[in-house]
Every structure is written in structure tokens, then in C-alpha cells.
Amino acid sequence: MGKRKTEEQKAEEEKRYVLARAAVTDGDFEPFFSDPNQAIRNVAAANPNASDAVLARFASDSFWSTKISVADHANSSRATVLSLLVADPRKRGVVHHAARRRLEREGVAFGADGMPLGD
């Protein structure tokens, strides 16, 4: 079992959640790219103010849920969503499938190999 968080640690974490939700400019998002709490990174990636540049950086996050937030975000460009696809079928997971669903909703056709056709 891990260590319990102190009241100060809990308060600091809650402050970071609030800041992640309130971020407006690309600079406001900077601290969250390396936040040790994956849930806070996810909240920042889901923030409606996140630009495509911010979302492109979150697309390389180690946490799958953050990447899904990028795939589902209205401000993610096609290039950013395409970057979430995985060519090797053995390594595909929930992120690839979320990106594919988004792209299919936008009219992108996929081949038998599970990757976009053309372009």
C-alpha cells in the first residue's frame, strides 16, 4: 500500500486540478505536460480551451486516458488525431480505436489493415 497523502499534498493537488480546468493560454498549460498526476494531465487535455498545439503535446503523454481526451477533443486537428494511430495491429489499443472512431465520424475511410486510406 502506498503512502497516504498529507493534507498539504491533497490541497496542492486540488489547486493543480483547478488550474488545469482554468487554463486558457498555451502558456497556462505548460506545467501540466509534466505533472506527475496522470489524472491532472487528463483534465488539462480535456480543457475546452486547449489549442491544437497543446493537444499535440498531450498526444505523446504516457497515460492512455489523456490520449483519448486528445482524440475526442474538438480542437484536435486531423494531424494530431492521426498521430494517435498505431500501424502495428498487435500494439493497438483503446487510443487507436478512439482516434479511428473520431476520424471515421469525420469521413476518413479505413482499409482492411486498420489504417486510413489515401492521403
N, C-alpha and C. Protein backbone atom coordinates (compact mmCIF):
# COMPACT_ATOMS: atom_id res chain seq x y z
N MET A 1 0.84 -1.17 0.00
CA MET A 1 0.00 0.00 0.00
C MET A 1 0.89 1.24 0.00
N GLY A 2 0.54 2.25 -0.78
CA GLY A 2 1.32 3.46 -0.88
C GLY A 2 1.13 4.37 0.33
N LYS A 3 1.96 5.38 0.36
CA LYS A 3 1.86 6.35 1.44
C LYS A 3 0.60 7.18 1.29
N ARG A 4 0.02 7.52 2.40
CA ARG A 4 -1.15 8.41 2.38
C ARG A 4 -0.68 9.83 2.17
N LYS A 5 -1.48 10.57 1.43
CA LYS A 5 -1.14 11.97 1.18
C LYS A 5 -1.47 12.80 2.41
N THR A 6 -0.59 13.79 2.66
CA THR A 6 -0.85 14.72 3.75
C THR A 6 -1.94 15.70 3.31
N GLU A 7 -2.48 16.41 4.23
CA GLU A 7 -3.49 17.43 3.90
C GLU A 7 -2.89 18.49 2.98
N GLU A 8 -1.62 18.82 3.18
CA GLU A 8 -0.96 19.80 2.33
C GLU A 8 -0.82 19.27 0.90
N GLN A 9 -0.47 17.99 0.76
CA GLN A 9 -0.35 17.39 -0.57
C GLN A 9 -1.70 17.34 -1.27
N LYS A 10 -2.74 17.02 -0.51
CA LYS A 10 -4.09 16.99 -1.09
C LYS A 10 -4.51 18.38 -1.55
N ALA A 11 -4.21 19.39 -0.75
CA ALA A 11 -4.57 20.76 -1.10
C ALA A 11 -3.80 21.22 -2.34
N GLU A 12 -2.52 20.87 -2.42
CA GLU A 12 -1.71 21.24 -3.59
C GLU A 12 -2.23 20.54 -4.84
N GLU A 13 -2.61 19.30 -4.71
CA GLU A 13 -3.17 18.55 -5.84
C GLU A 13 -4.49 19.18 -6.31
N GLU A 14 -5.34 19.53 -5.39
CA GLU A 14 -6.62 20.16 -5.74
C GLU A 14 -6.38 21.50 -6.45
N LYS A 15 -5.38 22.23 -6.00
CA LYS A 15 -5.03 23.51 -6.65
C LYS A 15 -4.62 23.25 -8.10
N ARG A 16 -3.84 22.20 -8.34
CA ARG A 16 -3.42 21.88 -9.70
C ARG A 16 -4.61 21.46 -10.57
N TYR A 17 -5.57 20.73 -10.00
CA TYR A 17 -6.79 20.39 -10.73
C TYR A 17 -7.52 21.67 -11.17
N VAL A 18 -7.67 22.59 -10.24
CA VAL A 18 -8.36 23.86 -10.54
C VAL A 18 -7.63 24.61 -11.64
N LEU A 19 -6.31 24.68 -11.55
CA LEU A 19 -5.54 25.38 -12.57
C LEU A 19 -5.62 24.69 -13.94
N ALA A 20 -5.66 23.37 -13.94
CA ALA A 20 -5.78 22.62 -15.20
C ALA A 20 -7.12 22.91 -15.86
N ARG A 21 -8.17 23.01 -15.06
CA ARG A 21 -9.50 23.33 -15.61
C ARG A 21 -9.60 24.78 -16.07
N ALA A 22 -8.85 25.67 -15.43
CA ALA A 22 -8.95 27.10 -15.71
C ALA A 22 -7.96 27.59 -16.76
N ALA A 23 -7.05 26.75 -17.22
CA ALA A 23 -6.04 27.18 -18.20
C ALA A 23 -6.72 27.73 -19.45
N VAL A 24 -6.14 28.82 -19.97
CA VAL A 24 -6.72 29.48 -21.15
C VAL A 24 -5.68 29.58 -22.27
N THR A 25 -4.50 30.07 -21.94
CA THR A 25 -3.47 30.26 -22.96
C THR A 25 -2.57 29.03 -23.03
N ASP A 26 -1.86 28.89 -24.14
CA ASP A 26 -0.93 27.76 -24.26
C ASP A 26 0.07 27.76 -23.11
N GLY A 27 0.51 28.92 -22.68
CA GLY A 27 1.44 29.01 -21.56
C GLY A 27 0.85 28.50 -20.27
N ASP A 28 -0.45 28.69 -20.08
CA ASP A 28 -1.11 28.19 -18.87
C ASP A 28 -1.04 26.67 -18.76
N PHE A 29 -0.92 25.99 -19.90
CA PHE A 29 -0.90 24.53 -19.92
C PHE A 29 0.49 23.95 -19.64
N GLU A 30 1.51 24.76 -19.77
CA GLU A 30 2.89 24.28 -19.67
C GLU A 30 3.17 23.40 -18.45
N PRO A 31 2.76 23.79 -17.24
CA PRO A 31 3.08 22.95 -16.08
C PRO A 31 2.43 21.56 -16.11
N PHE A 32 1.40 21.40 -16.91
CA PHE A 32 0.65 20.15 -16.88
C PHE A 32 1.23 19.08 -17.79
N PHE A 33 2.10 19.44 -18.71
CA PHE A 33 2.71 18.44 -19.58
C PHE A 33 3.58 17.47 -18.78
N SER A 34 4.11 17.95 -17.67
CA SER A 34 4.99 17.10 -16.85
C SER A 34 4.43 16.86 -15.44
N ASP A 35 3.16 17.15 -15.24
CA ASP A 35 2.58 16.92 -13.92
C ASP A 35 2.67 15.43 -13.58
N PRO A 36 3.10 15.10 -12.37
CA PRO A 36 3.24 13.68 -12.02
C PRO A 36 1.90 12.95 -11.89
N ASN A 37 0.81 13.69 -11.77
CA ASN A 37 -0.50 13.07 -11.60
C ASN A 37 -1.17 12.94 -12.98
N GLN A 38 -1.34 11.70 -13.42
CA GLN A 38 -1.90 11.47 -14.75
C GLN A 38 -3.33 11.99 -14.87
N ALA A 39 -4.09 11.97 -13.81
CA ALA A 39 -5.46 12.46 -13.85
C ALA A 39 -5.49 13.98 -14.07
N ILE A 40 -4.54 14.69 -13.51
CA ILE A 40 -4.47 16.14 -13.72
C ILE A 40 -4.09 16.43 -15.17
N ARG A 41 -3.17 15.64 -15.73
CA ARG A 41 -2.81 15.81 -17.14
C ARG A 41 -4.03 15.56 -18.02
N ASN A 42 -4.84 14.57 -17.66
CA ASN A 42 -6.05 14.27 -18.41
C ASN A 42 -7.04 15.43 -18.34
N VAL A 43 -7.22 16.01 -17.17
CA VAL A 43 -8.12 17.15 -17.01
C VAL A 43 -7.64 18.31 -17.88
N ALA A 44 -6.34 18.56 -17.91
CA ALA A 44 -5.80 19.63 -18.74
C ALA A 44 -6.06 19.35 -20.22
N ALA A 45 -5.87 18.11 -20.65
CA ALA A 45 -6.08 17.75 -22.06
C ALA A 45 -7.56 17.87 -22.45
N ALA A 46 -8.45 17.70 -21.51
CA ALA A 46 -9.89 17.80 -21.78
C ALA A 46 -10.40 19.23 -21.68
N ASN A 47 -9.58 20.15 -21.23
CA ASN A 47 -9.98 21.55 -21.09
C ASN A 47 -10.41 22.09 -22.45
N PRO A 48 -11.60 22.68 -22.55
CA PRO A 48 -12.07 23.18 -23.84
C PRO A 48 -11.22 24.29 -24.44
N ASN A 49 -10.38 24.91 -23.64
CA ASN A 49 -9.50 25.99 -24.13
C ASN A 49 -8.20 25.47 -24.72
N ALA A 50 -7.95 24.19 -24.65
CA ALA A 50 -6.69 23.64 -25.16
C ALA A 50 -6.62 23.81 -26.68
N SER A 51 -5.53 24.39 -27.14
CA SER A 51 -5.33 24.57 -28.58
C SER A 51 -4.80 23.28 -29.19
N ASP A 52 -4.77 23.22 -30.51
CA ASP A 52 -4.22 22.03 -31.15
C ASP A 52 -2.75 21.85 -30.78
N ALA A 53 -2.00 22.94 -30.63
CA ALA A 53 -0.59 22.83 -30.24
C ALA A 53 -0.46 22.16 -28.87
N VAL A 54 -1.31 22.53 -27.95
CA VAL A 54 -1.32 21.92 -26.62
C VAL A 54 -1.72 20.45 -26.73
N LEU A 55 -2.75 20.18 -27.49
CA LEU A 55 -3.23 18.81 -27.64
C LEU A 55 -2.20 17.92 -28.33
N ALA A 56 -1.46 18.47 -29.27
CA ALA A 56 -0.41 17.70 -29.95
C ALA A 56 0.65 17.26 -28.94
N ARG A 57 0.94 18.10 -27.97
CA ARG A 57 1.90 17.70 -26.93
C ARG A 57 1.31 16.64 -26.01
N PHE A 58 0.04 16.77 -25.66
CA PHE A 58 -0.61 15.76 -24.83
C PHE A 58 -0.78 14.44 -25.58
N ALA A 59 -0.75 14.47 -26.90
CA ALA A 59 -0.88 13.23 -27.69
C ALA A 59 0.26 12.26 -27.42
N SER A 60 1.38 12.76 -26.92
CA SER A 60 2.51 11.88 -26.62
C SER A 60 2.59 11.53 -25.13
N ASP A 61 1.55 11.84 -24.38
CA ASP A 61 1.52 11.52 -22.95
C ASP A 61 1.57 10.01 -22.76
N SER A 62 2.09 9.58 -21.63
CA SER A 62 2.20 8.14 -21.36
C SER A 62 0.87 7.53 -20.90
N PHE A 63 -0.08 8.36 -20.50
CA PHE A 63 -1.35 7.86 -19.97
C PHE A 63 -2.38 7.75 -21.09
N TRP A 64 -2.96 6.56 -21.26
CA TRP A 64 -3.89 6.32 -22.35
C TRP A 64 -5.11 7.22 -22.29
N SER A 65 -5.61 7.54 -21.11
CA SER A 65 -6.81 8.36 -20.99
C SER A 65 -6.57 9.79 -21.48
N THR A 66 -5.37 10.29 -21.26
CA THR A 66 -5.03 11.62 -21.76
C THR A 66 -5.05 11.62 -23.28
N LYS A 67 -4.53 10.57 -23.89
CA LYS A 67 -4.53 10.46 -25.35
C LYS A 67 -5.95 10.34 -25.88
N ILE A 68 -6.83 9.65 -25.18
CA ILE A 68 -8.22 9.56 -25.61
C ILE A 68 -8.88 10.93 -25.53
N SER A 69 -8.56 11.70 -24.50
CA SER A 69 -9.08 13.07 -24.42
C SER A 69 -8.65 13.88 -25.63
N VAL A 70 -7.41 13.67 -26.08
CA VAL A 70 -6.92 14.36 -27.28
C VAL A 70 -7.73 13.91 -28.50
N ALA A 71 -7.94 12.60 -28.64
CA ALA A 71 -8.70 12.08 -29.78
C ALA A 71 -10.11 12.64 -29.83
N ASP A 72 -10.73 12.81 -28.67
CA ASP A 72 -12.11 13.27 -28.60
C ASP A 72 -12.26 14.79 -28.59
N HIS A 73 -11.17 15.51 -28.42
CA HIS A 73 -11.25 16.97 -28.25
C HIS A 73 -11.59 17.66 -29.56
N ALA A 74 -12.53 18.57 -29.51
CA ALA A 74 -12.97 19.30 -30.72
C ALA A 74 -11.86 20.12 -31.35
N ASN A 75 -10.87 20.55 -30.57
CA ASN A 75 -9.80 21.40 -31.10
C ASN A 75 -8.63 20.60 -31.67
N SER A 76 -8.67 19.28 -31.59
CA SER A 76 -7.58 18.47 -32.15
C SER A 76 -7.68 18.47 -33.67
N SER A 77 -6.57 18.78 -34.30
CA SER A 77 -6.53 18.76 -35.76
C SER A 77 -6.49 17.32 -36.26
N ARG A 78 -6.74 17.15 -37.54
CA ARG A 78 -6.67 15.81 -38.12
C ARG A 78 -5.27 15.24 -37.94
N ALA A 79 -4.24 16.07 -38.14
CA ALA A 79 -2.87 15.58 -37.99
C ALA A 79 -2.61 15.08 -36.57
N THR A 80 -3.12 15.78 -35.59
CA THR A 80 -2.93 15.37 -34.20
C THR A 80 -3.64 14.03 -33.95
N VAL A 81 -4.85 13.90 -34.43
CA VAL A 81 -5.59 12.64 -34.23
C VAL A 81 -4.91 11.51 -35.00
N LEU A 82 -4.45 11.78 -36.21
CA LEU A 82 -3.74 10.76 -36.98
C LEU A 82 -2.49 10.27 -36.25
N SER A 83 -1.85 11.16 -35.50
CA SER A 83 -0.63 10.77 -34.78
C SER A 83 -0.90 9.74 -33.69
N LEU A 84 -2.15 9.57 -33.31
CA LEU A 84 -2.52 8.61 -32.27
C LEU A 84 -2.72 7.20 -32.81
N LEU A 85 -2.78 7.05 -34.13
CA LEU A 85 -2.97 5.73 -34.72
C LEU A 85 -1.70 4.91 -34.63
N VAL A 86 -1.86 3.61 -34.54
CA VAL A 86 -0.74 2.68 -34.42
C VAL A 86 -0.79 1.72 -35.59
N ALA A 87 0.28 1.67 -36.37
CA ALA A 87 0.30 0.83 -37.57
C ALA A 87 0.31 -0.66 -37.25
N ASP A 88 1.00 -1.05 -36.20
CA ASP A 88 1.13 -2.47 -35.86
C ASP A 88 -0.14 -2.94 -35.14
N PRO A 89 -0.92 -3.82 -35.77
CA PRO A 89 -2.17 -4.29 -35.14
C PRO A 89 -1.98 -4.92 -33.77
N ARG A 90 -0.82 -5.51 -33.53
CA ARG A 90 -0.56 -6.15 -32.23
C ARG A 90 -0.39 -5.13 -31.11
N LYS A 91 -0.12 -3.88 -31.46
CA LYS A 91 0.13 -2.85 -30.44
C LYS A 91 -1.02 -1.86 -30.32
N ARG A 92 -2.10 -2.09 -31.03
CA ARG A 92 -3.24 -1.19 -30.98
C ARG A 92 -4.01 -1.40 -29.68
N GLY A 93 -4.60 -0.32 -29.24
CA GLY A 93 -5.41 -0.40 -28.04
C GLY A 93 -6.51 0.64 -28.07
N VAL A 94 -6.95 1.04 -26.91
CA VAL A 94 -8.09 1.95 -26.81
C VAL A 94 -7.81 3.30 -27.45
N VAL A 95 -6.56 3.74 -27.45
CA VAL A 95 -6.23 5.03 -28.06
C VAL A 95 -6.41 4.97 -29.57
N HIS A 96 -5.87 3.94 -30.19
CA HIS A 96 -6.03 3.78 -31.64
C HIS A 96 -7.51 3.75 -32.01
N HIS A 97 -8.30 3.00 -31.26
CA HIS A 97 -9.71 2.85 -31.58
C HIS A 97 -10.48 4.16 -31.36
N ALA A 98 -10.12 4.94 -30.36
CA ALA A 98 -10.76 6.24 -30.15
C ALA A 98 -10.41 7.19 -31.30
N ALA A 99 -9.16 7.18 -31.72
CA ALA A 99 -8.75 8.03 -32.84
C ALA A 99 -9.47 7.60 -34.11
N ARG A 100 -9.56 6.31 -34.33
CA ARG A 100 -10.25 5.81 -35.53
C ARG A 100 -11.72 6.23 -35.53
N ARG A 101 -12.40 6.09 -34.38
CA ARG A 101 -13.81 6.50 -34.30
C ARG A 101 -13.96 7.97 -34.66
N ARG A 102 -13.08 8.81 -34.12
CA ARG A 102 -13.14 10.25 -34.41
C ARG A 102 -12.95 10.49 -35.90
N LEU A 103 -11.96 9.87 -36.49
CA LEU A 103 -11.67 10.08 -37.91
C LEU A 103 -12.80 9.54 -38.79
N GLU A 104 -13.37 8.42 -38.44
CA GLU A 104 -14.49 7.88 -39.21
C GLU A 104 -15.70 8.81 -39.14
N ARG A 105 -15.94 9.42 -37.98
CA ARG A 105 -17.03 10.41 -37.88
C ARG A 105 -16.79 11.58 -38.82
N GLU A 106 -15.52 11.88 -39.08
CA GLU A 106 -15.16 12.99 -39.97
C GLU A 106 -15.07 12.55 -41.43
N GLY A 107 -15.42 11.29 -41.70
CA GLY A 107 -15.46 10.82 -43.08
C GLY A 107 -14.19 10.17 -43.59
N VAL A 108 -13.22 9.91 -42.74
CA VAL A 108 -12.00 9.23 -43.15
C VAL A 108 -12.30 7.74 -43.29
N ALA A 109 -11.93 7.18 -44.45
CA ALA A 109 -12.14 5.75 -44.70
C ALA A 109 -10.90 4.97 -44.27
N PHE A 110 -11.12 3.79 -43.72
CA PHE A 110 -10.04 2.93 -43.26
C PHE A 110 -10.01 1.66 -44.09
N GLY A 111 -8.80 1.17 -44.32
CA GLY A 111 -8.62 -0.06 -45.07
C GLY A 111 -8.67 -1.29 -44.18
N ALA A 112 -8.50 -2.44 -44.79
CA ALA A 112 -8.52 -3.71 -44.07
C ALA A 112 -7.40 -3.79 -43.04
N ASP A 113 -6.33 -3.00 -43.25
CA ASP A 113 -5.21 -3.01 -42.31
C ASP A 113 -5.45 -2.15 -41.08
N GLY A 114 -6.63 -1.50 -41.02
CA GLY A 114 -6.96 -0.67 -39.87
C GLY A 114 -6.35 0.72 -39.90
N MET A 115 -5.81 1.10 -41.04
CA MET A 115 -5.21 2.43 -41.18
C MET A 115 -5.96 3.21 -42.26
N PRO A 116 -5.88 4.55 -42.22
CA PRO A 116 -6.62 5.37 -43.19
C PRO A 116 -6.19 5.09 -44.63
N LEU A 117 -7.15 5.16 -45.51
CA LEU A 117 -6.88 5.01 -46.94
C LEU A 117 -6.44 6.35 -47.53
N GLY A 118 -5.59 6.31 -48.53
CA GLY A 118 -5.24 7.51 -49.27
C GLY A 118 -4.47 8.55 -48.49
N ASP A 119 -4.65 9.78 -48.92
CA ASP A 119 -3.94 10.97 -48.40
C ASP A 119 -2.48 10.74 -48.54
